[in-house]
Structure formats: C-alpha cells, structure tokens
Amino acid sequence: MEIGRESFATGSFTWIDDQGRDVFVRNAALLVEGRYHLVIVMGPEAKRDEVQARHAHVLATYRSTA
C-alpha cells in the first residue's frame, strides 16, 4: 500500500509454539525515507482482538511521529 510518501505492507499469522500454545502475530513493514521499519505485536490466539488493537495503536502512534 502507499499513503502519501509512505509504502507499507501488513499481515498476520498464527502458529503453535513448542509448548503447544496457539500464537497470533500482527505485523507491518513500513518503508520511510528509504529505510524499513517493522511493527510486530504477538500474543496468544485467544487474545487476537487485543493483539490487533495494540498493533493498530502502536502503528498509528509510530506513523504520527515518523
């Protein structure tokens, strides 16, 4: 995606860790002035909504200060 002069990609994925727990990850890669920045938030699959909300908050905060 491109917004203004920023390019970024977002995604999410899940896996089962070595202790048998379901893990959920939400990520974003931003290209700002020729440099990549990553925003990654992970937590238990059972708290997917909270992980997504925290990721959105961090990404919005980061983008407003970058």
PDB file of N, CA and C in Angstrom:
ATOM      1  N   MET A   1       0.830  -1.174   0.000  1.00  0.00           N
ATOM      2  CA  MET A   1       0.000   0.000   0.000  1.00  0.00           C
ATOM      3  C   MET A   1       0.874   1.236   0.000  1.00  0.00           C
ATOM      4  N   GLU A   2       0.334   2.311  -0.471  1.00  0.00           N
ATOM      5  CA  GLU A   2       1.030   3.584  -0.389  1.00  0.00           C
ATOM      6  C   GLU A   2       0.064   4.641   0.136  1.00  0.00           C
ATOM      7  N   ILE A   3       0.530   5.388   1.110  1.00  0.00           N
ATOM      8  CA  ILE A   3      -0.219   6.523   1.636  1.00  0.00           C
ATOM      9  C   ILE A   3       0.745   7.687   1.654  1.00  0.00           C
ATOM     10  N   GLY A   4       0.441   8.713   0.878  1.00  0.00           N
ATOM     11  CA  GLY A   4       1.370   9.827   0.794  1.00  0.00           C
ATOM     12  C   GLY A   4       2.698   9.354   0.264  1.00  0.00           C
ATOM     13  N   ARG A   5       3.761   9.621   1.018  1.00  0.00           N
ATOM     14  CA  ARG A   5       5.107   9.212   0.605  1.00  0.00           C
ATOM     15  C   ARG A   5       5.553   7.943   1.304  1.00  0.00           C
ATOM     16  N   GLU A   6       4.650   7.246   1.989  1.00  0.00           N
ATOM     17  CA  GLU A   6       4.987   6.006   2.693  1.00  0.00           C
ATOM     18  C   GLU A   6       4.465   4.796   1.933  1.00  0.00           C
ATOM     19  N   SER A   7       5.255   3.739   1.929  1.00  0.00           N
ATOM     20  CA  SER A   7       4.827   2.440   1.427  1.00  0.00           C
ATOM     21  C   SER A   7       4.859   1.474   2.589  1.00  0.00           C
ATOM     22  N   PHE A   8       3.851   0.612   2.672  1.00  0.00           N
ATOM     23  CA  PHE A   8       3.855  -0.349   3.769  1.00  0.00           C
ATOM     24  C   PHE A   8       3.059  -1.594   3.399  1.00  0.00           C
ATOM     25  N   ALA A   9       3.311  -2.652   4.134  1.00  0.00           N
ATOM     26  CA  ALA A   9       2.586  -3.907   3.986  1.00  0.00           C
ATOM     27  C   ALA A   9       2.256  -4.415   5.378  1.00  0.00           C
ATOM     28  N   THR A  10       1.092  -5.016   5.521  1.00  0.00           N
ATOM     29  CA  THR A  10       0.699  -5.573   6.812  1.00  0.00           C
ATOM     30  C   THR A  10       0.313  -7.035   6.635  1.00  0.00           C
ATOM     31  N   GLY A  11       0.346  -7.756   7.719  1.00  0.00           N
ATOM     32  CA  GLY A  11      -0.044  -9.152   7.669  1.00  0.00           C
ATOM     33  C   GLY A  11      -0.259  -9.708   9.057  1.00  0.00           C
ATOM     34  N   SER A  12      -0.729 -10.940   9.084  1.00  0.00           N
ATOM     35  CA  SER A  12      -0.899 -11.634  10.361  1.00  0.00           C
ATOM     36  C   SER A  12      -0.719 -13.123  10.109  1.00  0.00           C
ATOM     37  N   PHE A  13      -0.338 -13.817  11.149  1.00  0.00           N
ATOM     38  CA  PHE A  13      -0.183 -15.261  11.030  1.00  0.00           C
ATOM     39  C   PHE A  13      -0.262 -15.891  12.407  1.00  0.00           C
ATOM     40  N   THR A  14      -0.471 -17.189  12.409  1.00  0.00           N
ATOM     41  CA  THR A  14      -0.562 -17.958  13.655  1.00  0.00           C
ATOM     42  C   THR A  14       0.323 -19.189  13.535  1.00  0.00           C
ATOM     43  N   TRP A  15       0.685 -19.725  14.680  1.00  0.00           N
ATOM     44  CA  TRP A  15       1.399 -20.995  14.728  1.00  0.00           C
ATOM     45  C   TRP A  15       1.243 -21.579  16.123  1.00  0.00           C
ATOM     46  N   ILE A  16       1.638 -22.811  16.265  1.00  0.00           N
ATOM     47  CA  ILE A  16       1.644 -23.474  17.566  1.00  0.00           C
ATOM     48  C   ILE A  16       3.094 -23.521  18.016  1.00  0.00           C
ATOM     49  N   ASP A  17       3.370 -22.934  19.197  1.00  0.00           N
ATOM     50  CA  ASP A  17       4.758 -22.885  19.665  1.00  0.00           C
ATOM     51  C   ASP A  17       5.192 -24.238  20.218  1.00  0.00           C
ATOM     52  N   ASP A  18       6.442 -24.304  20.659  1.00  0.00           N
ATOM     53  CA  ASP A  18       7.000 -25.578  21.118  1.00  0.00           C
ATOM     54  C   ASP A  18       6.385 -26.086  22.411  1.00  0.00           C
ATOM     55  N   GLN A  19       5.547 -25.256  23.050  1.00  0.00           N
ATOM     56  CA  GLN A  19       4.848 -25.696  24.258  1.00  0.00           C
ATOM     57  C   GLN A  19       3.373 -25.983  23.979  1.00  0.00           C
ATOM     58  N   GLY A  20       3.005 -26.003  22.690  1.00  0.00           N
ATOM     59  CA  GLY A  20       1.645 -26.353  22.304  1.00  0.00           C
ATOM     60  C   GLY A  20       0.647 -25.209  22.364  1.00  0.00           C
ATOM     61  N   ARG A  21       1.122 -23.979  22.547  1.00  0.00           N
ATOM     62  CA  ARG A  21       0.223 -22.826  22.632  1.00  0.00           C
ATOM     63  C   ARG A  21       0.005 -22.217  21.252  1.00  0.00           C
ATOM     64  N   ASP A  22      -1.227 -21.770  20.997  1.00  0.00           N
ATOM     65  CA  ASP A  22      -1.534 -21.058  19.760  1.00  0.00           C
ATOM     66  C   ASP A  22      -1.089 -19.608  19.904  1.00  0.00           C
ATOM     67  N   VAL A  23      -0.271 -19.142  18.964  1.00  0.00           N
ATOM     68  CA  VAL A  23       0.283 -17.789  18.989  1.00  0.00           C
ATOM     69  C   VAL A  23      -0.263 -17.018  17.783  1.00  0.00           C
ATOM     70  N   PHE A  24      -0.601 -15.754  18.001  1.00  0.00           N
ATOM     71  CA  PHE A  24      -1.080 -14.876  16.930  1.00  0.00           C
ATOM     72  C   PHE A  24      -0.138 -13.686  16.813  1.00  0.00           C
ATOM     73  N   VAL A  25       0.229 -13.334  15.577  1.00  0.00           N
ATOM     74  CA  VAL A  25       1.131 -12.211  15.328  1.00  0.00           C
ATOM     75  C   VAL A  25       0.502 -11.290  14.295  1.00  0.00           C
ATOM     76  N   ARG A  26       0.608 -10.006  14.563  1.00  0.00           N
ATOM     77  CA  ARG A  26       0.188  -8.968  13.614  1.00  0.00           C
ATOM     78  C   ARG A  26       1.422  -8.138  13.329  1.00  0.00           C
ATOM     79  N   ASN A  27       1.721  -7.874  12.037  1.00  0.00           N
ATOM     80  CA  ASN A  27       2.940  -7.144  11.718  1.00  0.00           C
ATOM     81  C   ASN A  27       2.698  -6.110  10.625  1.00  0.00           C
ATOM     82  N   ALA A  28       3.640  -5.193  10.524  1.00  0.00           N
ATOM     83  CA  ALA A  28       3.642  -4.199   9.458  1.00  0.00           C
ATOM     84  C   ALA A  28       5.082  -3.870   9.134  1.00  0.00           C
ATOM     85  N   ALA A  29       5.364  -3.726   7.861  1.00  0.00           N
ATOM     86  CA  ALA A  29       6.673  -3.271   7.398  1.00  0.00           C
ATOM     87  C   ALA A  29       6.438  -1.958   6.669  1.00  0.00           C
ATOM     88  N   LEU A  30       7.113  -0.903   7.114  1.00  0.00           N
ATOM     89  CA  LEU A  30       6.966   0.420   6.513  1.00  0.00           C
ATOM     90  C   LEU A  30       8.277   0.834   5.888  1.00  0.00           C
ATOM     91  N   LEU A  31       8.212   1.443   4.734  1.00  0.00           N
ATOM     92  CA  LEU A  31       9.384   2.000   4.074  1.00  0.00           C
ATOM     93  C   LEU A  31       9.289   3.512   4.218  1.00  0.00           C
ATOM     94  N   VAL A  32      10.166   4.069   5.049  1.00  0.00           N
ATOM     95  CA  VAL A  32      10.155   5.501   5.336  1.00  0.00           C
ATOM     96  C   VAL A  32      11.525   6.062   4.985  1.00  0.00           C
ATOM     97  N   GLU A  33      11.549   6.972   4.042  1.00  0.00           N
ATOM     98  CA  GLU A  33      12.792   7.609   3.600  1.00  0.00           C
ATOM     99  C   GLU A  33      13.879   6.585   3.281  1.00  0.00           C
ATOM    100  N   GLY A  34      13.481   5.520   2.574  1.00  0.00           N
ATOM    101  CA  GLY A  34      14.444   4.520   2.138  1.00  0.00           C
ATOM    102  C   GLY A  34      14.868   3.502   3.182  1.00  0.00           C
ATOM    103  N   ARG A  35      14.258   3.543   4.362  1.00  0.00           N
ATOM    104  CA  ARG A  35      14.613   2.594   5.429  1.00  0.00           C
ATOM    105  C   ARG A  35      13.375   1.835   5.866  1.00  0.00           C
ATOM    106  N   TYR A  36      13.547   0.538   6.120  1.00  0.00           N
ATOM    107  CA  TYR A  36      12.440  -0.295   6.575  1.00  0.00           C
ATOM    108  C   TYR A  36      12.295  -0.210   8.087  1.00  0.00           C
ATOM    109  N   HIS A  37      11.065  -0.153   8.528  1.00  0.00           N
ATOM    110  CA  HIS A  37      10.723  -0.164   9.948  1.00  0.00           C
ATOM    111  C   HIS A  37       9.677  -1.257  10.134  1.00  0.00           C
ATOM    112  N   LEU A  38       9.811  -2.045  11.202  1.00  0.00           N
ATOM    113  CA  LEU A  38       8.878  -3.127  11.475  1.00  0.00           C
ATOM    114  C   LEU A  38       8.105  -2.869  12.756  1.00  0.00           C
ATOM    115  N   VAL A  39       6.821  -3.164  12.710  1.00  0.00           N
ATOM    116  CA  VAL A  39       5.977  -3.113  13.900  1.00  0.00           C
ATOM    117  C   VAL A  39       5.400  -4.520  14.040  1.00  0.00           C
ATOM    118  N   ILE A  40       5.743  -5.195  15.133  1.00  0.00           N
ATOM    119  CA  ILE A  40       5.312  -6.573  15.351  1.00  0.00           C
ATOM    120  C   ILE A  40       4.734  -6.686  16.752  1.00  0.00           C
ATOM    121  N   VAL A  41       3.511  -7.222  16.836  1.00  0.00           N
ATOM    122  CA  VAL A  41       2.880  -7.479  18.136  1.00  0.00           C
ATOM    123  C   VAL A  41       2.397  -8.919  18.114  1.00  0.00           C
ATOM    124  N   MET A  42       2.715  -9.674  19.161  1.00  0.00           N
ATOM    125  CA  MET A  42       2.268 -11.057  19.215  1.00  0.00           C
ATOM    126  C   MET A  42       1.741 -11.394  20.596  1.00  0.00           C
ATOM    127  N   GLY A  43       0.878 -12.382  20.634  1.00  0.00           N
ATOM    128  CA  GLY A  43       0.276 -12.825  21.883  1.00  0.00           C
ATOM    129  C   GLY A  43      -0.504 -14.104  21.643  1.00  0.00           C
ATOM    130  N   PRO A  44      -1.216 -14.549  22.654  1.00  0.00           N
ATOM    131  CA  PRO A  44      -1.982 -15.787  22.500  1.00  0.00           C
ATOM    132  C   PRO A  44      -3.130 -15.609  21.500  1.00  0.00           C
ATOM    133  N   GLU A  45      -3.399 -16.657  20.735  1.00  0.00           N
ATOM    134  CA  GLU A  45      -4.504 -16.646  19.774  1.00  0.00           C
ATOM    135  C   GLU A  45      -5.825 -16.278  20.466  1.00  0.00           C
ATOM    136  N   ALA A  46      -5.992 -16.708  21.700  1.00  0.00           N
ATOM    137  CA  ALA A  46      -7.223 -16.412  22.444  1.00  0.00           C
ATOM    138  C   ALA A  46      -7.417 -14.913  22.673  1.00  0.00           C
ATOM    139  N   LYS A  47      -6.345 -14.126  22.537  1.00  0.00           N
ATOM    140  CA  LYS A  47      -6.423 -12.670  22.718  1.00  0.00           C
ATOM    141  C   LYS A  47      -6.153 -11.941  21.403  1.00  0.00           C
ATOM    142  N   ARG A  48      -6.584 -12.545  20.311  1.00  0.00           N
ATOM    143  CA  ARG A  48      -6.378 -11.986  18.967  1.00  0.00           C
ATOM    144  C   ARG A  48      -6.869 -10.542  18.878  1.00  0.00           C
ATOM    145  N   ASP A  49      -8.065 -10.260  19.389  1.00  0.00           N
ATOM    146  CA  ASP A  49      -8.614  -8.903  19.309  1.00  0.00           C
ATOM    147  C   ASP A  49      -7.723  -7.896  20.028  1.00  0.00           C
ATOM    148  N   GLU A  50      -7.194  -8.281  21.187  1.00  0.00           N
ATOM    149  CA  GLU A  50      -6.306  -7.388  21.934  1.00  0.00           C
ATOM    150  C   GLU A  50      -4.989  -7.170  21.187  1.00  0.00           C
ATOM    151  N   VAL A  51      -4.438  -8.239  20.616  1.00  0.00           N
ATOM    152  CA  VAL A  51      -3.199  -8.108  19.834  1.00  0.00           C
ATOM    153  C   VAL A  51      -3.428  -7.156  18.662  1.00  0.00           C
ATOM    154  N   GLN A  52      -4.543  -7.322  17.957  1.00  0.00           N
ATOM    155  CA  GLN A  52      -4.839  -6.453  16.817  1.00  0.00           C
ATOM    156  C   GLN A  52      -5.022  -4.998  17.256  1.00  0.00           C
ATOM    157  N   ALA A  53      -5.707  -4.784  18.376  1.00  0.00           N
ATOM    158  CA  ALA A  53      -5.914  -3.418  18.871  1.00  0.00           C
ATOM    159  C   ALA A  53      -4.591  -2.774  19.263  1.00  0.00           C
ATOM    160  N   ARG A  54      -3.738  -3.516  19.933  1.00  0.00           N
ATOM    161  CA  ARG A  54      -2.439  -2.959  20.326  1.00  0.00           C
ATOM    162  C   ARG A  54      -1.571  -2.666  19.101  1.00  0.00           C
ATOM    163  N   HIS A  55      -1.605  -3.549  18.118  1.00  0.00           N
ATOM    164  CA  HIS A  55      -0.849  -3.327  16.889  1.00  0.00           C
ATOM    165  C   HIS A  55      -1.335  -2.051  16.203  1.00  0.00           C
ATOM    166  N   ALA A  56      -2.642  -1.894  16.094  1.00  0.00           N
ATOM    167  CA  ALA A  56      -3.200  -0.691  15.460  1.00  0.00           C
ATOM    168  C   ALA A  56      -2.777   0.562  16.209  1.00  0.00           C
ATOM    169  N   HIS A  57      -2.778   0.500  17.536  1.00  0.00           N
ATOM    170  CA  HIS A  57      -2.380   1.653  18.348  1.00  0.00           C
ATOM    171  C   HIS A  57      -0.895   1.985  18.140  1.00  0.00           C
ATOM    172  N   VAL A  58      -0.041   0.981  18.203  1.00  0.00           N
ATOM    173  CA  VAL A  58       1.390   1.210  18.015  1.00  0.00           C
ATOM    174  C   VAL A  58       1.656   1.744  16.614  1.00  0.00           C
ATOM    175  N   LEU A  59       1.027   1.162  15.615  1.00  0.00           N
ATOM    176  CA  LEU A  59       1.240   1.602  14.238  1.00  0.00           C
ATOM    177  C   LEU A  59       0.772   3.050  14.066  1.00  0.00           C
ATOM    178  N   ALA A  60      -0.381   3.392  14.601  1.00  0.00           N
ATOM    179  CA  ALA A  60      -0.884   4.772  14.493  1.00  0.00           C
ATOM    180  C   ALA A  60       0.032   5.737  15.213  1.00  0.00           C
ATOM    181  N   THR A  61       0.517   5.358  16.387  1.00  0.00           N
ATOM    182  CA  THR A  61       1.426   6.213  17.161  1.00  0.00           C
ATOM    183  C   THR A  61       2.736   6.377  16.406  1.00  0.00           C
ATOM    184  N   TYR A  62       3.275   5.276  15.879  1.00  0.00           N
ATOM    185  CA  TYR A  62       4.538   5.322  15.145  1.00  0.00           C
ATOM    186  C   TYR A  62       4.414   6.220  13.916  1.00  0.00           C
ATOM    187  N   ARG A  63       3.346   6.022  13.158  1.00  0.00           N
ATOM    188  CA  ARG A  63       3.183   6.775  11.918  1.00  0.00           C
ATOM    189  C   ARG A  63       2.977   8.261  12.186  1.00  0.00           C
ATOM    190  N   SER A  64       2.424   8.618  13.329  1.00  0.00           N
ATOM    191  CA  SER A  64       2.216  10.043  13.619  1.00  0.00           C
ATOM    192  C   SER A  64       3.497  10.717  14.060  1.00  0.00           C
ATOM    193  N   THR A  65       4.512   9.931  14.465  1.00  0.00           N
ATOM    194  CA  THR A  65       5.774  10.521  14.917  1.00  0.00           C
ATOM    195  C   THR A  65       6.910  10.311  13.929  1.00  0.00           C
ATOM    196  N   ALA A  66       6.713   9.442  12.930  1.00  0.00           N
ATOM    197  CA  ALA A  66       7.795   9.130  11.969  1.00  0.00           C
ATOM    198  C   ALA A  66       7.997  10.263  10.983  1.00  0.00           C
TER     199      ALA A  66
END
